Amino acid sequence: MDVLLIFAGPEFRYQPNAVCINTPDGQRQIYGYRGNVRKGDSYVIWRRTVDALNTWNSTSNETHARKRRVLNYAFSEPAIRAAEPFIHTNIDRWIKLLGQHKREGREWSGPIDMSPQTSYLVFDILGDLCFGKCFDMKEPGSELKDVPEMLTGYIKALAPVRNHRLCWVCANTPRLLGRHGSPFGYGSSLEAWTN
C-alpha cells in the first residue's frame, strides 16, 4: 500500500470496491455526515442475532445515522472536554508506573515492551469513561492483564471467517427463510440476496 501511495498519490482506488484516502480530510470524507460510503458486509458477522443492530455492526447508512444521533452528545465538544480529567488521571498514573521501571542509580530504565503497556492504559481509560470505574490493568499484579491479548486473538481468529461469503448466508438465513422481516422473495430479503 505504501508503494501505491507514492505512485498514485493520497487518494486512489486499489480494488473495484475499495479506495484509499490518506489525507487529513479523509476521516471527514468517509465518516462525515455527507460521506458517500457504506460499511462492508463483513460487519454482519458481528451481530448477535439478525436484528441485533448497533452503530458498529449496522451496514445500512439510515440505521447507522438513526443510532448515531443517540450517541452524538457523547462526542460533542463539551462532552470530550468533560472526559479530559479522567484521561489525564489515568495517563499521570501510567507515567508514574513506567517511571518505577528505572533501575537504581541509573537515569534510564531497561527496555519496556510498550505495546501491552499502552493497551492497559487504553482499557483503563475506557473503563473509566464507559463504566465509571477504571479496570486498573496498568497496575502491577492486575488479574486482567490477559484480556487485551485474548480480545486480539479472538478478532484475529474471526478475521478470515468474516470475509468469507458463507458468513453473509449464515447471518441472513433466518431473514431469507422469512422468520424475521419479510418472507423470502418479497421486499428487502430478495434485494439483499441479489446484492
Foldseek 3Di string as FASTA:
>chain_A
DVVCCVVVNQWDAPDPQDIGHRDPCVCCCCVNPPNPDFDDQLLLLVAPALPRDALRSDRDPVVNVVRVVVVVVCVDPVNVVVLVVLLVVLVVVLVVLLVVQCDPPDPDHPDDDCVLSVVLSVQQSCCCVPVVGGQCCNPPPRPCSCVVVVVVVVCVVCVVVSVDPVSSCVRCVCVCCQVPDHYHPDDPSVVVVVD
